[in-house]
Amino acid sequence: MRISEALGILGNPRPDIEAVKKAYKEKAKQYHPDTLNGNLDMMVLVNLAYEVLKQSNFTWTDTESRTSQDSAPLTETITNLWNSIKHYKGIHGEIIGIWLWVSGNTYPIRDKLKETGFRYSHFKQAWYFHEGDYWKRSKRKLNLQDLRGIWGNQDLETEEAQELGV
């Protein structure tokens, strides 16, 4: 894990031990598996992020701090959406930036995707979900490969892949 990713997970604290500890405690309280909305996977990431920042001796550059704002972890809404559809066969999910993209054999589940707030991009041949408002700033048409190059991507594991041991 890079420092910028660790900063994104802990909410971009100042580079001192007290700020990092405070951010860690807040995230641990939020994601601890014993709490009502606890998430074990997220708690593992929080612990890992804390260890990475401890090993960095609490020094990081302004560039790493700015980059961390683009590498925030999956939100609870996006995680829940993906968990509700990942069991369908033939679909592929990925996070590009802070958007959830679903492609593959989505025709049989198009109504479910519409119900849950996904929109379809004919140009990209994929469904997408984004929290909050978004205004496109340019008239450029970017395909998914262009977006991956700009924002990076994270493939999401399907239950089909879990069964195959991929």
Protein backbone atom coordinates (compact mmCIF):
# COMPACT_ATOMS: atom_id res chain seq x y z
CA MET A 1 0.00 0.00 0.00
CA ARG A 2 1.30 3.45 -0.93
CA ILE A 3 1.27 6.38 1.48
CA SER A 4 -1.29 8.19 -0.69
CA GLU A 5 -3.66 5.20 -0.43
CA ALA A 6 -3.18 5.02 3.33
CA LEU A 7 -3.91 8.73 3.63
CA GLY A 8 -7.07 8.30 1.57
CA ILE A 9 -8.33 5.53 3.84
CA LEU A 10 -7.68 7.46 7.06
CA GLY A 11 -9.13 10.72 5.74
CA ASN A 12 -5.90 12.62 4.97
CA PRO A 13 -4.66 13.51 8.48
CA ARG A 14 -1.84 16.00 9.12
CA PRO A 15 1.66 14.48 9.21
CA ASP A 16 1.98 14.14 12.98
CA ILE A 17 1.46 11.22 15.32
CA GLU A 18 -1.54 12.67 17.18
CA ALA A 19 -3.52 13.48 14.00
CA VAL A 20 -2.87 10.02 12.57
CA LYS A 21 -3.88 8.32 15.83
CA LYS A 22 -7.07 10.39 16.00
CA ALA A 23 -7.96 9.54 12.37
CA TYR A 24 -7.23 5.85 13.01
CA LYS A 25 -9.44 5.78 16.10
CA GLU A 26 -12.33 7.44 14.24
CA LYS A 27 -12.11 4.96 11.34
CA ALA A 28 -11.67 2.00 13.72
CA LYS A 29 -14.79 3.05 15.61
CA GLN A 30 -16.69 3.40 12.31
CA TYR A 31 -15.62 0.09 10.72
CA HIS A 32 -14.98 -2.23 13.67
CA PRO A 33 -16.70 -5.58 13.05
CA ASP A 34 -18.35 -5.53 16.49
CA THR A 35 -20.31 -2.35 15.68
CA LEU A 36 -23.71 -2.30 14.02
CA ASN A 37 -22.42 -1.36 10.56
CA GLY A 38 -19.01 -2.95 11.01
CA ASN A 39 -17.02 -4.13 8.02
CA LEU A 40 -14.15 -6.57 8.54
CA ASP A 41 -12.58 -5.93 5.12
CA MET A 42 -12.57 -2.18 5.67
CA MET A 43 -11.14 -2.63 9.19
CA VAL A 44 -8.25 -4.63 7.74
CA LEU A 45 -7.57 -1.75 5.34
CA VAL A 46 -7.72 0.79 8.19
CA ASN A 47 -5.19 -1.24 10.21
CA LEU A 48 -2.91 -1.59 7.20
CA ALA A 49 -3.13 2.13 6.43
CA TYR A 50 -2.22 2.98 10.04
CA GLU A 51 0.81 0.68 9.90
CA VAL A 52 1.99 2.20 6.59
CA LEU A 53 1.78 5.72 8.02
CA LYS A 54 3.57 4.66 11.22
CA GLN A 55 6.40 3.16 9.17
CA SER A 56 6.69 6.38 7.15
CA ASN A 57 7.70 8.17 10.38
CA PHE A 58 4.76 10.53 9.82
CA THR A 59 6.42 12.32 6.92
CA TRP A 60 4.82 12.62 3.52
CA THR A 61 4.84 15.16 0.74
CA ASP A 62 2.10 17.56 -0.21
CA THR A 63 1.77 15.67 -3.52
CA GLU A 64 1.05 12.40 -1.69
CA SER A 65 -1.49 14.21 0.45
CA ARG A 66 -3.28 15.65 -2.61
CA THR A 67 -3.18 12.28 -4.40
CA SER A 68 -4.84 10.62 -1.41
CA GLN A 69 -8.04 12.54 -2.04
CA ASP A 70 -8.46 10.64 -5.33
CA SER A 71 -7.81 7.20 -3.82
CA ALA A 72 -10.54 7.06 -1.20
CA PRO A 73 -11.85 3.60 -0.34
CA LEU A 74 -15.18 2.25 -1.53
CA THR A 75 -18.11 3.94 0.11
CA GLU A 76 -20.69 1.89 1.95
CA THR A 77 -23.29 2.61 -0.76
CA ILE A 78 -21.05 1.37 -3.56
CA THR A 79 -20.03 -1.69 -1.54
CA ASN A 80 -23.68 -2.54 -0.88
CA LEU A 81 -24.62 -2.05 -4.55
CA TRP A 82 -21.82 -4.32 -5.71
CA ASN A 83 -22.68 -6.96 -3.11
CA SER A 84 -26.29 -6.97 -4.35
CA ILE A 85 -25.31 -7.76 -7.98
CA LYS A 86 -21.97 -9.58 -7.84
CA HIS A 87 -23.62 -13.00 -7.80
CA TYR A 88 -25.00 -12.63 -11.37
CA LYS A 89 -23.04 -14.63 -13.94
CA GLY A 90 -21.13 -12.94 -16.73
CA ILE A 91 -20.78 -9.48 -15.24
CA HIS A 92 -17.61 -7.54 -14.56
CA GLY A 93 -17.37 -4.75 -12.00
CA GLU A 94 -14.65 -2.19 -11.51
CA ILE A 95 -14.05 1.05 -9.71
CA ILE A 96 -12.65 3.80 -11.92
CA GLY A 97 -11.88 6.86 -9.84
CA ILE A 98 -14.89 6.96 -7.51
CA TRP A 99 -17.38 5.52 -10.03
CA LEU A 100 -18.66 1.94 -10.08
CA TRP A 101 -18.80 0.51 -13.63
CA VAL A 102 -20.55 -2.76 -14.50
CA SER A 103 -20.14 -4.41 -17.88
CA GLY A 104 -20.46 -7.84 -19.46
CA ASN A 105 -23.74 -9.73 -19.77
CA THR A 106 -25.90 -7.08 -18.06
CA TYR A 107 -28.98 -7.32 -20.29
CA PRO A 108 -30.80 -9.85 -18.04
CA ILE A 109 -30.32 -7.62 -14.97
CA ARG A 110 -30.91 -4.22 -16.59
CA ASP A 111 -34.12 -3.61 -14.61
CA LYS A 112 -32.34 -4.37 -11.31
CA LEU A 113 -29.53 -1.99 -12.27
CA LYS A 114 -32.02 0.77 -13.11
CA GLU A 115 -33.84 0.26 -9.80
CA THR A 116 -30.64 0.63 -7.81
CA GLY A 117 -29.65 3.91 -9.48
CA PHE A 118 -27.29 2.79 -12.24
CA ARG A 119 -27.31 4.59 -15.57
CA TYR A 120 -26.29 3.14 -18.91
CA SER A 121 -23.61 4.64 -21.14
CA HIS A 122 -24.19 3.60 -24.76
CA PHE A 123 -20.77 4.92 -25.79
CA LYS A 124 -18.95 2.84 -23.16
CA GLN A 125 -21.37 -0.12 -23.32
CA ALA A 126 -21.44 -0.27 -19.52
CA TRP A 127 -23.56 0.72 -16.54
CA TYR A 128 -22.24 3.26 -14.03
CA PHE A 129 -23.05 4.54 -10.57
CA HIS A 130 -21.74 7.64 -8.84
CA GLU A 131 -22.70 9.17 -5.53
CA GLY A 132 -23.52 12.85 -5.43
CA ASP A 133 -23.81 15.35 -8.24
CA TYR A 134 -21.54 15.40 -11.26
CA TRP A 135 -21.16 17.92 -14.03
CA LYS A 136 -19.10 17.06 -17.06
CA ARG A 137 -16.63 19.86 -17.70
CA SER A 138 -15.56 19.05 -21.25
CA LYS A 139 -17.10 17.76 -24.45
CA ARG A 140 -14.46 15.04 -24.88
CA LYS A 141 -15.82 11.54 -25.23
CA LEU A 142 -13.68 9.14 -23.24
CA ASN A 143 -13.97 5.38 -23.45
CA LEU A 144 -13.41 3.12 -20.45
CA GLN A 145 -9.77 2.55 -21.38
CA ASP A 146 -9.17 6.33 -21.38
CA LEU A 147 -10.82 6.62 -17.96
CA ARG A 148 -8.71 3.77 -16.59
CA GLY A 149 -5.59 5.59 -17.78
CA ILE A 150 -6.60 8.85 -16.11
CA TRP A 151 -8.09 7.61 -12.83
CA GLY A 152 -6.79 4.07 -12.45
CA ASN A 153 -9.07 1.14 -11.82
CA GLN A 154 -9.74 -1.58 -9.31
CA ASP A 155 -11.39 -4.79 -10.50
CA LEU A 156 -14.06 -6.12 -8.19
CA GLU A 157 -14.33 -9.80 -7.48
CA THR A 158 -17.50 -11.62 -8.45
CA GLU A 159 -18.89 -14.66 -6.65
CA GLU A 160 -18.31 -16.61 -9.88
CA ALA A 161 -14.58 -15.79 -9.67
CA GLN A 162 -14.53 -16.74 -5.98
CA GLU A 163 -15.97 -20.16 -6.79
CA LEU A 164 -13.33 -20.74 -9.46
CA GLY A 165 -10.58 -19.64 -7.11
CA VAL A 166 -9.46 -16.82 -9.43
